[in-house]
Amino acid sequence: QVLLVESGGGLVQAGGSLRLSCVASGREFRISDMAWWRQTPGKQRERIARVTTGGRTDYADSVKDRFTISRDNAKNTAYLQMNKVEPRDTGIYYCHADYRPTIDERYDYWGQGTQVTVSS
C-alpha cells in the first residue's frame, strides 16, 4: 500500500517556474516507478514524465526540455520541476506510483492531484 501526498501546485505566470512534490509512504517507494500525469477537463489523463527505479527518465513531447522529474529515495519523494511554463500546462497534476513487488504483480497508486494554473 502506497499513499501519495502532493504539494506545490498553484498559480504561475507564463514563463515562470513551479516545483511539485510527491511524498510516498512505505518502503515500496524505492521499487516503484514514479510518474506525473496531467488531467484537463474533457480530455484523457496524460502521462507527462516518468522516472524508473533505476533513474531513467522520459517525457511527453509537450514538456521536453522544460520539465524535469526526479526522485529522492531517502526521502520517499518525487519531484517535478516545471520551467518556462505555458498556458497549455494548466491542469490537475497527479503523482503516480507503479509498484512491482514481483514480476507477476503490479499495482497502481495515485495522489489526490494538485491544480496548476498558468496565466498568459
Protein backbone atom coordinates (compact mmCIF):
# COMPACT_ATOMS: atom_id res chain seq x y z
CA GLN A 1 0.00 0.00 0.00
CA VAL A 2 1.41 3.34 -1.10
CA LEU A 3 -0.07 6.66 -0.03
CA LEU A 4 0.93 9.64 -2.16
CA VAL A 5 0.66 13.21 -0.89
CA GLU A 6 1.23 16.03 -3.34
CA SER A 7 2.03 19.69 -2.88
CA GLY A 8 3.35 22.68 -4.79
CA GLY A 9 0.51 23.48 -7.17
CA GLY A 10 -0.85 26.96 -7.62
CA LEU A 11 -0.98 29.96 -9.90
CA VAL A 12 2.01 30.92 -12.01
CA GLN A 13 2.59 33.32 -14.86
CA ALA A 14 3.61 32.07 -18.28
CA GLY A 15 7.38 31.77 -18.47
CA GLY A 16 7.71 31.17 -14.76
CA SER A 17 8.63 28.10 -12.75
CA LEU A 18 6.92 25.77 -10.32
CA ARG A 19 8.08 22.75 -8.34
CA LEU A 20 5.72 19.93 -7.43
CA SER A 21 6.46 17.40 -4.70
CA CYS A 22 5.02 13.96 -4.04
CA VAL A 23 5.75 12.23 -0.74
CA ALA A 24 5.14 8.49 -0.68
CA SER A 25 4.62 6.27 2.32
CA GLY A 26 6.32 2.98 3.00
CA ARG A 27 9.32 1.10 1.73
CA GLU A 28 7.56 0.38 -1.56
CA PHE A 29 8.72 3.69 -2.98
CA ARG A 30 12.20 2.54 -3.95
CA ILE A 31 10.83 -0.31 -6.08
CA SER A 32 8.16 1.80 -7.74
CA ASP A 33 8.43 3.70 -10.97
CA MET A 34 7.16 7.22 -10.37
CA ALA A 35 5.34 9.45 -12.82
CA TRP A 36 3.45 12.68 -13.15
CA TRP A 37 0.20 12.83 -15.08
CA ARG A 38 -1.91 15.79 -16.14
CA GLN A 39 -5.70 15.99 -16.40
CA THR A 40 -7.59 18.62 -18.37
CA PRO A 41 -11.42 18.68 -18.16
CA GLY A 42 -12.93 16.82 -21.08
CA LYS A 43 -9.65 15.16 -22.03
CA GLN A 44 -7.96 11.91 -21.12
CA ARG A 45 -5.34 11.97 -18.43
CA GLU A 46 -1.87 12.17 -19.95
CA ARG A 47 1.44 10.98 -18.58
CA ILE A 48 3.94 13.79 -18.92
CA ALA A 49 7.00 12.48 -17.09
CA ARG A 50 8.31 9.25 -15.58
CA VAL A 51 11.34 8.16 -13.62
CA THR A 52 12.10 4.47 -13.11
CA THR A 53 13.58 2.74 -10.11
CA GLY A 54 16.92 2.84 -11.94
CA GLY A 55 16.75 6.57 -12.58
CA ARG A 56 15.83 6.51 -16.25
CA THR A 57 13.50 9.33 -17.29
CA ASP A 58 11.17 10.00 -20.17
CA TYR A 59 8.85 12.86 -21.05
CA ALA A 60 5.91 13.74 -23.20
CA ASP A 61 6.88 15.83 -26.19
CA SER A 62 4.88 18.76 -24.85
CA VAL A 63 7.14 19.16 -21.80
CA LYS A 64 10.54 18.04 -23.07
CA ASP A 65 13.35 20.49 -22.29
CA ARG A 66 11.08 22.37 -19.87
CA PHE A 67 10.13 19.90 -17.12
CA THR A 68 12.40 17.67 -15.07
CA ILE A 69 11.30 14.70 -12.99
CA SER A 70 13.49 13.44 -10.17
CA ARG A 71 13.33 11.29 -7.06
CA ASP A 72 14.97 11.15 -3.66
CA ASN A 73 14.68 7.62 -2.34
CA ALA A 74 16.00 8.60 1.08
CA LYS A 75 13.05 10.99 1.45
CA ASN A 76 10.47 8.87 -0.39
CA THR A 77 9.79 11.88 -2.57
CA ALA A 78 9.35 12.52 -6.27
CA TYR A 79 9.56 15.97 -7.81
CA LEU A 80 8.51 17.74 -10.96
CA GLN A 81 10.43 20.90 -11.75
CA MET A 82 8.39 22.95 -14.20
CA ASN A 83 10.24 25.68 -16.06
CA LYS A 84 9.10 28.04 -18.79
CA VAL A 85 5.50 27.09 -18.14
CA GLU A 86 2.86 27.80 -20.75
CA PRO A 87 -0.93 28.21 -20.56
CA ARG A 88 -1.33 24.75 -22.07
CA ASP A 89 0.36 23.35 -18.96
CA THR A 90 -2.74 24.24 -16.95
CA GLY A 91 -4.43 21.23 -15.40
CA ILE A 92 -4.57 18.91 -12.43
CA TYR A 93 -1.28 17.15 -11.86
CA TYR A 94 -1.33 13.68 -10.34
CA CYS A 95 1.52 11.73 -8.84
CA HIS A 96 1.54 8.05 -9.76
CA ALA A 97 3.41 5.05 -8.40
CA ASP A 98 3.85 1.85 -10.38
CA TYR A 99 4.61 -0.74 -7.73
CA ARG A 100 6.15 -4.03 -8.88
CA PRO A 101 6.85 -6.28 -5.88
CA THR A 102 7.35 -9.31 -8.16
CA ILE A 103 7.48 -9.93 -11.87
CA ASP A 104 3.86 -11.11 -11.76
CA GLU A 105 2.49 -8.35 -9.54
CA ARG A 106 1.80 -4.76 -10.44
CA TYR A 107 -0.16 -2.11 -8.56
CA ASP A 108 -1.13 1.47 -9.34
CA TYR A 109 -1.35 4.23 -6.75
CA TRP A 110 -2.47 7.81 -7.31
CA GLY A 111 -2.15 11.04 -5.42
CA GLN A 112 -5.10 13.35 -4.84
CA GLY A 113 -3.99 15.78 -7.53
CA THR A 114 -2.82 19.36 -7.34
CA GLN A 115 -4.08 22.20 -9.51
CA VAL A 116 -1.63 24.13 -11.67
CA THR A 117 -2.92 27.22 -13.45
CA VAL A 118 -0.72 29.17 -15.85
CA SER A 119 -1.82 32.67 -16.77
CA SER A 120 -0.84 34.30 -20.04
